[in-house]
Amino acid sequence: WLALFLEHGLVAVHVESYRPMWPTLGTYHHTL
């Protein structure tokens, strides 16, 4: 994702990965 964003001239000023509890009960990662 970060590589795709850079291709579009977008810089990540914050990146945060976490396992959401709702509704997927922490079964995989999300990234902001």
Full PDB file with SEQRES, HELIX, SHEET, SSBOND, CRYST1, ORIGX, SCALE, CONECT and MASTER records, all heavy atoms in Angstrom:
SEQRES   1 A   32  TRP LEU ALA LEU PHE LEU GLU HIS GLY LEU VAL ALA VAL          
SEQRES   2 A   32  HIS VAL GLU SER TYR ARG PRO MET TRP PRO THR LEU GLY          
SEQRES   3 A   32  THR TYR HIS HIS THR LEU                                      
HELIX    1 AA1 LEU A    2  GLU A    7  1                                   6    
CRYST1    1.000    1.000    1.000  90.00  90.00  90.00 P 1           1          
ORIGX1      1.000000  0.000000  0.000000        0.00000                         
ORIGX2      0.000000  1.000000  0.000000        0.00000                         
ORIGX3      0.000000  0.000000  1.000000        0.00000                         
SCALE1      1.000000  0.000000  0.000000        0.00000                         
SCALE2      0.000000  1.000000  0.000000        0.00000                         
SCALE3      0.000000  0.000000  1.000000        0.00000                         
ATOM      1  N   TRP A   1       0.837  -1.200   0.000  1.00  0.00           N  
ATOM      2  CA  TRP A   1       0.000   0.000   0.000  1.00  0.00           C  
ATOM      3  C   TRP A   1       0.872   1.251   0.000  1.00  0.00           C  
ATOM      4  O   TRP A   1       0.629   2.194  -0.752  1.00  0.00           O  
ATOM      5  CB  TRP A   1      -0.944   0.024   1.202  1.00  0.00           C  
ATOM      6  CG  TRP A   1      -2.112  -0.897   1.101  1.00  0.00           C  
ATOM      7  CD1 TRP A   1      -2.423  -1.924   1.940  1.00  0.00           C  
ATOM      8  CD2 TRP A   1      -3.153  -0.879   0.103  1.00  0.00           C  
ATOM      9  NE1 TRP A   1      -3.582  -2.551   1.527  1.00  0.00           N  
ATOM     10  CE2 TRP A   1      -4.047  -1.932   0.405  1.00  0.00           C  
ATOM     11  CE3 TRP A   1      -3.408  -0.094  -1.006  1.00  0.00           C  
ATOM     12  CZ2 TRP A   1      -5.181  -2.198  -0.363  1.00  0.00           C  
ATOM     13  CZ3 TRP A   1      -4.532  -0.358  -1.774  1.00  0.00           C  
ATOM     14  CH2 TRP A   1      -5.400  -1.403  -1.446  1.00  0.00           C  
ATOM     15  N   LEU A   2       1.900   1.263   0.841  1.00  0.00           N  
ATOM     16  CA  LEU A   2       2.772   2.438   0.911  1.00  0.00           C  
ATOM     17  C   LEU A   2       3.426   2.736  -0.436  1.00  0.00           C  
ATOM     18  O   LEU A   2       3.523   3.897  -0.845  1.00  0.00           O  
ATOM     19  CB  LEU A   2       3.838   2.243   1.999  1.00  0.00           C  
ATOM     20  CG  LEU A   2       3.328   2.362   3.435  1.00  0.00           C  
ATOM     21  CD1 LEU A   2       4.372   1.864   4.424  1.00  0.00           C  
ATOM     22  CD2 LEU A   2       2.906   3.787   3.748  1.00  0.00           C  
ATOM     23  N   ALA A   3       3.846   1.686  -1.135  1.00  0.00           N  
ATOM     24  CA  ALA A   3       4.448   1.875  -2.463  1.00  0.00           C  
ATOM     25  C   ALA A   3       3.430   2.465  -3.441  1.00  0.00           C  
ATOM     26  O   ALA A   3       3.752   3.370  -4.220  1.00  0.00           O  
ATOM     27  CB  ALA A   3       5.002   0.547  -2.981  1.00  0.00           C  
ATOM     28  N   LEU A   4       2.187   1.976  -3.397  1.00  0.00           N  
ATOM     29  CA  LEU A   4       1.137   2.510  -4.274  1.00  0.00           C  
ATOM     30  C   LEU A   4       0.871   3.983  -3.976  1.00  0.00           C  
ATOM     31  O   LEU A   4       0.748   4.801  -4.887  1.00  0.00           O  
ATOM     32  CB  LEU A   4      -0.148   1.693  -4.127  1.00  0.00           C  
ATOM     33  CG  LEU A   4      -1.329   2.152  -4.975  1.00  0.00           C  
ATOM     34  CD1 LEU A   4      -1.035   1.947  -6.468  1.00  0.00           C  
ATOM     35  CD2 LEU A   4      -2.601   1.403  -4.580  1.00  0.00           C  
ATOM     36  N   PHE A   5       0.815   4.335  -2.706  1.00  0.00           N  
ATOM     37  CA  PHE A   5       0.561   5.728  -2.331  1.00  0.00           C  
ATOM     38  C   PHE A   5       1.687   6.632  -2.840  1.00  0.00           C  
ATOM     39  O   PHE A   5       1.429   7.719  -3.363  1.00  0.00           O  
ATOM     40  CB  PHE A   5       0.391   5.869  -0.822  1.00  0.00           C  
ATOM     41  CG  PHE A   5      -0.725   5.039  -0.252  1.00  0.00           C  
ATOM     42  CD1 PHE A   5      -0.614   4.479   1.017  1.00  0.00           C  
ATOM     43  CD2 PHE A   5      -1.888   4.793  -0.969  1.00  0.00           C  
ATOM     44  CE1 PHE A   5      -1.641   3.714   1.553  1.00  0.00           C  
ATOM     45  CE2 PHE A   5      -2.917   4.023  -0.443  1.00  0.00           C  
ATOM     46  CZ  PHE A   5      -2.789   3.483   0.826  1.00  0.00           C  
ATOM     47  N   LEU A   6       2.933   6.198  -2.699  1.00  0.00           N  
ATOM     48  CA  LEU A   6       4.067   6.987  -3.177  1.00  0.00           C  
ATOM     49  C   LEU A   6       4.016   7.193  -4.686  1.00  0.00           C  
ATOM     50  O   LEU A   6       4.362   8.266  -5.177  1.00  0.00           O  
ATOM     51  CB  LEU A   6       5.389   6.319  -2.794  1.00  0.00           C  
ATOM     52  CG  LEU A   6       5.927   6.660  -1.411  1.00  0.00           C  
ATOM     53  CD1 LEU A   6       7.187   5.857  -1.104  1.00  0.00           C  
ATOM     54  CD2 LEU A   6       6.185   8.147  -1.281  1.00  0.00           C  
ATOM     55  N   GLU A   7       3.572   6.169  -5.422  1.00  0.00           N  
ATOM     56  CA  GLU A   7       3.418   6.296  -6.875  1.00  0.00           C  
ATOM     57  C   GLU A   7       2.454   7.429  -7.237  1.00  0.00           C  
ATOM     58  O   GLU A   7       2.531   7.984  -8.323  1.00  0.00           O  
ATOM     59  CB  GLU A   7       2.880   4.992  -7.480  1.00  0.00           C  
ATOM     60  CG  GLU A   7       3.864   3.863  -7.536  1.00  0.00           C  
ATOM     61  CD  GLU A   7       3.214   2.573  -8.021  1.00  0.00           C  
ATOM     62  OE1 GLU A   7       2.129   2.625  -8.651  1.00  0.00           O  
ATOM     63  OE2 GLU A   7       3.789   1.498  -7.747  1.00  0.00           O  
ATOM     64  N   HIS A   8       1.543   7.746  -6.322  1.00  0.00           N  
ATOM     65  CA  HIS A   8       0.542   8.797  -6.549  1.00  0.00           C  
ATOM     66  C   HIS A   8       0.913  10.113  -5.876  1.00  0.00           C  
ATOM     67  O   HIS A   8       0.065  11.003  -5.731  1.00  0.00           O  
ATOM     68  CB  HIS A   8      -0.832   8.319  -6.072  1.00  0.00           C  
ATOM     69  CG  HIS A   8      -1.421   7.291  -6.978  1.00  0.00           C  
ATOM     70  ND1 HIS A   8      -1.056   5.967  -6.923  1.00  0.00           N  
ATOM     71  CD2 HIS A   8      -2.291   7.400  -7.993  1.00  0.00           C  
ATOM     72  CE1 HIS A   8      -1.702   5.296  -7.857  1.00  0.00           C  
ATOM     73  NE2 HIS A   8      -2.458   6.150  -8.524  1.00  0.00           N  
ATOM     74  N   GLY A   9       2.163  10.236  -5.439  1.00  0.00           N  
ATOM     75  CA  GLY A   9       2.623  11.479  -4.829  1.00  0.00           C  
ATOM     76  C   GLY A   9       2.050  11.723  -3.450  1.00  0.00           C  
ATOM     77  O   GLY A   9       1.941  12.865  -3.016  1.00  0.00           O  
ATOM     78  N   LEU A  10       1.691  10.652  -2.753  1.00  0.00           N  
ATOM     79  CA  LEU A  10       1.123  10.769  -1.408  1.00  0.00           C  
ATOM     80  C   LEU A  10       2.128  10.220  -0.386  1.00  0.00           C  
ATOM     81  O   LEU A  10       2.611   9.096  -0.527  1.00  0.00           O  
ATOM     82  CB  LEU A  10      -0.191   9.994  -1.317  1.00  0.00           C  
ATOM     83  CG  LEU A  10      -1.295  10.506  -2.231  1.00  0.00           C  
ATOM     84  CD1 LEU A  10      -2.437   9.497  -2.309  1.00  0.00           C  
ATOM     85  CD2 LEU A  10      -1.811  11.853  -1.743  1.00  0.00           C  
ATOM     86  N   VAL A  11       2.405  11.027   0.615  1.00  0.00           N  
ATOM     87  CA  VAL A  11       3.357  10.658   1.654  1.00  0.00           C  
ATOM     88  C   VAL A  11       2.594  10.248   2.908  1.00  0.00           C  
ATOM     89  O   VAL A  11       1.657  10.938   3.329  1.00  0.00           O  
ATOM     90  CB  VAL A  11       4.281  11.857   1.978  1.00  0.00           C  
ATOM     91  CG1 VAL A  11       5.221  11.523   3.124  1.00  0.00           C  
ATOM     92  CG2 VAL A  11       5.041  12.281   0.744  1.00  0.00           C  
ATOM     93  N   ALA A  12       3.004   9.147   3.503  1.00  0.00           N  
ATOM     94  CA  ALA A  12       2.383   8.696   4.755  1.00  0.00           C  
ATOM     95  C   ALA A  12       3.006   9.464   5.918  1.00  0.00           C  
ATOM     96  O   ALA A  12       4.201   9.338   6.179  1.00  0.00           O  
ATOM     97  CB  ALA A  12       2.584   7.198   4.926  1.00  0.00           C  
ATOM     98  N   VAL A  13       2.184  10.275   6.593  1.00  0.00           N  
ATOM     99  CA  VAL A  13       2.670  11.017   7.759  1.00  0.00           C  
ATOM    100  C   VAL A  13       2.401  10.234   9.041  1.00  0.00           C  
ATOM    101  O   VAL A  13       2.930  10.579  10.092  1.00  0.00           O  
ATOM    102  CB  VAL A  13       2.061  12.440   7.831  1.00  0.00           C  
ATOM    103  CG1 VAL A  13       2.521  13.265   6.640  1.00  0.00           C  
ATOM    104  CG2 VAL A  13       0.555  12.401   7.926  1.00  0.00           C  
ATOM    105  N   HIS A  14       1.587   9.194   8.940  1.00  0.00           N  
ATOM    106  CA  HIS A  14       1.337   8.293  10.066  1.00  0.00           C  
ATOM    107  C   HIS A  14       0.867   6.961   9.501  1.00  0.00           C  
ATOM    108  O   HIS A  14       0.032   6.914   8.597  1.00  0.00           O  
ATOM    109  CB  HIS A  14       0.271   8.870  11.001  1.00  0.00           C  
ATOM    110  CG  HIS A  14      -0.049   7.975  12.149  1.00  0.00           C  
ATOM    111  ND1 HIS A  14       0.755   7.880  13.258  1.00  0.00           N  
ATOM    112  CD2 HIS A  14      -1.065   7.104  12.347  1.00  0.00           C  
ATOM    113  CE1 HIS A  14       0.234   6.991  14.100  1.00  0.00           C  
ATOM    114  NE2 HIS A  14      -0.866   6.508  13.569  1.00  0.00           N  
ATOM    115  N   VAL A  15       1.396   5.868  10.050  1.00  0.00           N  
ATOM    116  CA  VAL A  15       0.989   4.512   9.678  1.00  0.00           C  
ATOM    117  C   VAL A  15       0.854   3.716  10.965  1.00  0.00           C  
ATOM    118  O   VAL A  15       1.755   3.738  11.811  1.00  0.00           O  
ATOM    119  CB  VAL A  15       2.027   3.838   8.750  1.00  0.00           C  
ATOM    120  CG1 VAL A  15       1.593   2.418   8.409  1.00  0.00           C  
ATOM    121  CG2 VAL A  15       2.242   4.652   7.484  1.00  0.00           C  
ATOM    122  N   GLU A  16      -0.273   3.045  11.102  1.00  0.00           N  
ATOM    123  CA  GLU A  16      -0.544   2.305  12.340  1.00  0.00           C  
ATOM    124  C   GLU A  16      -1.287   1.009  12.007  1.00  0.00           C  
ATOM    125  O   GLU A  16      -2.389   1.047  11.474  1.00  0.00           O  
ATOM    126  CB  GLU A  16      -1.407   3.191  13.240  1.00  0.00           C  
ATOM    127  CG  GLU A  16      -1.905   2.555  14.490  1.00  0.00           C  
ATOM    128  CD  GLU A  16      -2.862   3.470  15.248  1.00  0.00           C  
ATOM    129  OE1 GLU A  16      -3.008   4.666  14.882  1.00  0.00           O  
ATOM    130  OE2 GLU A  16      -3.465   2.974  16.205  1.00  0.00           O  
ATOM    131  N   SER A  17      -0.658  -0.130  12.328  1.00  0.00           N  
ATOM    132  CA  SER A  17      -1.319  -1.421  12.130  1.00  0.00           C  
ATOM    133  C   SER A  17      -1.850  -1.930  13.466  1.00  0.00           C  
ATOM    134  O   SER A  17      -1.231  -1.705  14.513  1.00  0.00           O  
ATOM    135  CB  SER A  17      -0.333  -2.443  11.551  1.00  0.00           C  
ATOM    136  OG  SER A  17       0.025  -2.077  10.235  1.00  0.00           O  
ATOM    137  N   TYR A  18      -2.979  -2.595  13.408  1.00  0.00           N  
ATOM    138  CA  TYR A  18      -3.609  -3.115  14.618  1.00  0.00           C  
ATOM    139  C   TYR A  18      -4.555  -4.257  14.243  1.00  0.00           C  
ATOM    140  O   TYR A  18      -4.913  -4.423  13.081  1.00  0.00           O  
ATOM    141  CB  TYR A  18      -4.366  -2.007  15.366  1.00  0.00           C  
ATOM    142  CG  TYR A  18      -5.541  -1.448  14.593  1.00  0.00           C  
ATOM    143  CD1 TYR A  18      -6.843  -1.874  14.866  1.00  0.00           C  
ATOM    144  CD2 TYR A  18      -5.359  -0.506  13.580  1.00  0.00           C  
ATOM    145  CE1 TYR A  18      -7.927  -1.372  14.147  1.00  0.00           C  
ATOM    146  CE2 TYR A  18      -6.437  -0.007  12.868  1.00  0.00           C  
ATOM    147  CZ  TYR A  18      -7.713  -0.444  13.152  1.00  0.00           C  
ATOM    148  OH  TYR A  18      -8.777   0.039  12.446  1.00  0.00           O  
ATOM    149  N   ARG A  19      -4.961  -5.016  15.230  1.00  0.00           N  
ATOM    150  CA  ARG A  19      -5.954  -6.072  15.038  1.00  0.00           C  
ATOM    151  C   ARG A  19      -7.277  -5.576  15.619  1.00  0.00           C  
ATOM    152  O   ARG A  19      -7.402  -5.446  16.832  1.00  0.00           O  
ATOM    153  CB  ARG A  19      -5.538  -7.357  15.739  1.00  0.00           C  
ATOM    154  CG  ARG A  19      -4.430  -8.096  15.055  1.00  0.00           C  
ATOM    155  CD  ARG A  19      -4.067  -9.332  15.906  1.00  0.00           C  
ATOM    156  NE  ARG A  19      -3.077 -10.120  15.254  1.00  0.00           N  
ATOM    157  CZ  ARG A  19      -3.339 -11.213  14.543  1.00  0.00           C  
ATOM    158  NH1 ARG A  19      -4.570 -11.638  14.403  1.00  0.00           N  
ATOM    159  NH2 ARG A  19      -2.369 -11.899  13.983  1.00  0.00           N  
ATOM    160  N   PRO A  20      -8.260  -5.296  14.773  1.00  0.00           N  
ATOM    161  CA  PRO A  20      -9.538  -4.766  15.272  1.00  0.00           C  
ATOM    162  C   PRO A  20     -10.344  -5.844  15.998  1.00  0.00           C  
ATOM    163  O   PRO A  20     -10.363  -6.996  15.584  1.00  0.00           O  
ATOM    164  CB  PRO A  20     -10.252  -4.339  13.995  1.00  0.00           C  
ATOM    165  CG  PRO A  20      -9.725  -5.268  12.962  1.00  0.00           C  
ATOM    166  CD  PRO A  20      -8.291  -5.518  13.330  1.00  0.00           C  
ATOM    167  N   MET A  21     -10.986  -5.434  17.047  1.00  0.00           N  
ATOM    168  CA  MET A  21     -11.840  -6.377  17.764  1.00  0.00           C  
ATOM    169  C   MET A  21     -13.192  -6.528  17.070  1.00  0.00           C  
ATOM    170  O   MET A  21     -13.742  -7.611  17.036  1.00  0.00           O  
ATOM    171  CB  MET A  21     -12.009  -5.911  19.212  1.00  0.00           C  
ATOM    172  CG  MET A  21     -12.581  -6.974  20.080  1.00  0.00           C  
ATOM    173  SD  MET A  21     -11.531  -8.443  19.936  1.00  0.00           S  
ATOM    174  CE  MET A  21     -12.365  -9.529  21.017  1.00  0.00           C  
ATOM    175  N   TRP A  22     -13.709  -5.415  16.520  1.00  0.00           N  
ATOM    176  CA  TRP A  22     -15.060  -5.437  15.948  1.00  0.00           C  
ATOM    177  C   TRP A  22     -15.043  -5.114  14.462  1.00  0.00           C  
ATOM    178  O   TRP A  22     -14.423  -4.140  14.088  1.00  0.00           O  
ATOM    179  CB  TRP A  22     -15.958  -4.435  16.683  1.00  0.00           C  
ATOM    180  CG  TRP A  22     -15.903  -4.647  18.141  1.00  0.00           C  
ATOM    181  CD1 TRP A  22     -15.286  -3.840  19.052  1.00  0.00           C  
ATOM    182  CD2 TRP A  22     -16.428  -5.753  18.880  1.00  0.00           C  
ATOM    183  NE1 TRP A  22     -15.390  -4.371  20.298  1.00  0.00           N  
ATOM    184  CE2 TRP A  22     -16.090  -5.555  20.227  1.00  0.00           C  
ATOM    185  CE3 TRP A  22     -17.142  -6.898  18.543  1.00  0.00           C  
ATOM    186  CZ2 TRP A  22     -16.441  -6.439  21.220  1.00  0.00           C  
ATOM    187  CZ3 TRP A  22     -17.494  -7.789  19.539  1.00  0.00           C  
ATOM    188  CH2 TRP A  22     -17.148  -7.548  20.860  1.00  0.00           C  
ATOM    189  N   PRO A  23     -15.722  -5.821  13.639  1.00  0.00           N  
ATOM    190  CA  PRO A  23     -16.505  -7.019  13.919  1.00  0.00           C  
ATOM    191  C   PRO A  23     -15.736  -8.324  13.702  1.00  0.00           C  
ATOM    192  O   PRO A  23     -16.296  -9.398  13.789  1.00  0.00           O  
ATOM    193  CB  PRO A  23     -17.641  -6.911  12.900  1.00  0.00           C  
ATOM    194  CG  PRO A  23     -16.992  -6.296  11.705  1.00  0.00           C  
ATOM    195  CD  PRO A  23     -15.950  -5.341  12.271  1.00  0.00           C  
ATOM    196  N   THR A  24     -14.430  -8.242  13.429  1.00  0.00           N  
ATOM    197  CA  THR A  24     -13.686  -9.434  12.989  1.00  0.00           C  
ATOM    198  C   THR A  24     -12.934 -10.155  14.102  1.00  0.00           C  
ATOM    199  O   THR A  24     -12.155 -11.063  13.834  1.00  0.00           O  
ATOM    200  CB  THR A  24     -12.713  -9.042  11.857  1.00  0.00           C  
ATOM    201  OG1 THR A  24     -11.839  -8.007  12.329  1.00  0.00           O  
ATOM    202  CG2 THR A  24     -13.471  -8.563  10.633  1.00  0.00           C  
ATOM    203  N   LEU A  25     -13.140  -9.750  15.340  1.00  0.00           N  
ATOM    204  CA  LEU A  25     -12.629 -10.456  16.513  1.00  0.00           C  
ATOM    205  C   LEU A  25     -11.118 -10.640  16.518  1.00  0.00           C  
ATOM    206  O   LEU A  25     -10.594 -11.655  16.976  1.00  0.00           O  
ATOM    207  CB  LEU A  25     -13.331 -11.812  16.652  1.00  0.00           C  
ATOM    208  CG  LEU A  25     -14.874 -11.739  16.642  1.00  0.00           C  
ATOM    209  CD1 LEU A  25     -15.478 -13.129  16.651  1.00  0.00           C  
ATOM    210  CD2 LEU A  25     -15.385 -10.894  17.787  1.00  0.00           C  
ATOM    211  N   GLY A  26     -10.399  -9.661  15.996  1.00  0.00           N  
ATOM    212  CA  GLY A  26      -8.940  -9.672  16.038  1.00  0.00           C  
ATOM    213  C   GLY A  26      -8.272 -10.728  15.170  1.00  0.00           C  
ATOM    214  O   GLY A  26      -7.135 -11.104  15.426  1.00  0.00           O  
ATOM    215  N   THR A  27      -8.954 -11.179  14.127  1.00  0.00           N  
ATOM    216  CA  THR A  27      -8.421 -12.296  13.335  1.00  0.00           C  
ATOM    217  C   THR A  27      -7.417 -11.890  12.263  1.00  0.00           C  
ATOM    218  O   THR A  27      -6.748 -12.759  11.704  1.00  0.00           O  
ATOM    219  CB  THR A  27      -9.570 -13.097  12.681  1.00  0.00           C  
ATOM    220  OG1 THR A  27     -10.407 -12.204  11.941  1.00  0.00           O  
ATOM    221  CG2 THR A  27     -10.407 -13.812  13.735  1.00  0.00           C  
ATOM    222  N   TYR A  28      -7.321 -10.590  11.940  1.00  0.00           N  
ATOM    223  CA  TYR A  28      -6.326 -10.135  10.970  1.00  0.00           C  
ATOM    224  C   TYR A  28      -6.069  -8.651  11.180  1.00  0.00           C  
ATOM    225  O   TYR A  28      -6.807  -7.980  11.891  1.00  0.00           O  
ATOM    226  CB  TYR A  28      -6.745 -10.417   9.520  1.00  0.00           C  
ATOM    227  CG  TYR A  28      -8.056  -9.796   9.110  1.00  0.00           C  
ATOM    228  CD1 TYR A  28      -8.106  -8.531   8.547  1.00  0.00           C  
ATOM    229  CD2 TYR A  28      -9.259 -10.473   9.282  1.00  0.00           C  
ATOM    230  CE1 TYR A  28      -9.300  -7.953   8.172  1.00  0.00           C  
ATOM    231  CE2 TYR A  28     -10.466  -9.904   8.909  1.00  0.00           C  
ATOM    232  CZ  TYR A  28     -10.475  -8.644   8.357  1.00  0.00           C  
ATOM    233  OH  TYR A  28     -11.665  -8.075   8.003  1.00  0.00           O  
ATOM    234  N   HIS A  29      -5.013  -8.154  10.555  1.00  0.00           N  
ATOM    235  CA  HIS A  29      -4.596  -6.766  10.732  1.00  0.00           C  
ATOM    236  C   HIS A  29      -5.335  -5.788   9.823  1.00  0.00           C  
ATOM    237  O   HIS A  29      -5.677  -6.122   8.697  1.00  0.00           O  
ATOM    238  CB  HIS A  29      -3.094  -6.631  10.448  1.00  0.00           C  
ATOM    239  CG  HIS A  29      -2.231  -7.128  11.540  1.00  0.00           C  
ATOM    240  ND1 HIS A  29      -1.852  -8.439  11.651  1.00  0.00           N  
ATOM    241  CD2 HIS A  29      -1.676  -6.485  12.586  1.00  0.00           C  
ATOM    242  CE1 HIS A  29      -1.096  -8.587  12.711  1.00  0.00           C  
ATOM    243  NE2 HIS A  29      -0.968  -7.420  13.303  1.00  0.00           N  
ATOM    244  N   HIS A  30      -5.529  -4.608  10.373  1.00  0.00           N  
ATOM    245  CA  HIS A  30      -5.924  -3.425   9.616  1.00  0.00           C  
ATOM    246  C   HIS A  30      -4.762  -2.448   9.733  1.00  0.00           C  
ATOM    247  O   HIS A  30      -4.009  -2.488  10.702  1.00  0.00           O  
ATOM    248  CB  HIS A  30      -7.155  -2.754  10.221  1.00  0.00           C  
ATOM    249  CG  HIS A  30      -8.426  -3.480   9.992  1.00  0.00           C  
ATOM    250  ND1 HIS A  30      -9.598  -3.096  10.611  1.00  0.00           N  
ATOM    251  CD2 HIS A  30      -8.751  -4.544   9.241  1.00  0.00           C  
ATOM    252  CE1 HIS A  30     -10.579  -3.893  10.241  1.00  0.00           C  
ATOM    253  NE2 HIS A  30     -10.079  -4.785   9.412  1.00  0.00           N  
ATOM    254  N   THR A  31      -4.660  -1.551   8.766  1.00  0.00           N  
ATOM    255  CA  THR A  31      -3.646  -0.495   8.856  1.00  0.00           C  
ATOM    256  C   THR A  31      -4.279   0.834   8.486  1.00  0.00           C  
ATOM    257  O   THR A  31      -4.996   0.932   7.493  1.00  0.00           O  
ATOM    258  CB  THR A  31      -2.433  -0.786   7.943  1.00  0.00           C  
ATOM    259  OG1 THR A  31      -1.860  -2.042   8.321  1.00  0.00           O  
ATOM    260  CG2 THR A  31      -1.376   0.301   8.074  1.00  0.00           C  
ATOM    261  N   LEU A  32      -4.013   1.827   9.321  1.00  0.00           N  
ATOM    262  CA  LEU A  32      -4.422   3.201   9.063  1.00  0.00           C  
ATOM    263  C   LEU A  32      -3.251   3.925   8.415  1.00  0.00           C  
ATOM    264  O   LEU A  32      -2.132   3.906   8.946  1.00  0.00           O  
ATOM    265  CB  LEU A  32      -4.804   3.914  10.368  1.00  0.00           C  
ATOM    266  CG  LEU A  32      -5.008   5.433  10.272  1.00  0.00           C  
ATOM    267  CD1 LEU A  32      -6.173   5.779   9.363  1.00  0.00           C  
ATOM    268  CD2 LEU A  32      -5.208   6.015  11.666  1.00  0.00           C  
TER     269      LEU A  32                                                      
MASTER        0    0    0    1    0    0    0    6  268    1    0    3          
END                                                                             
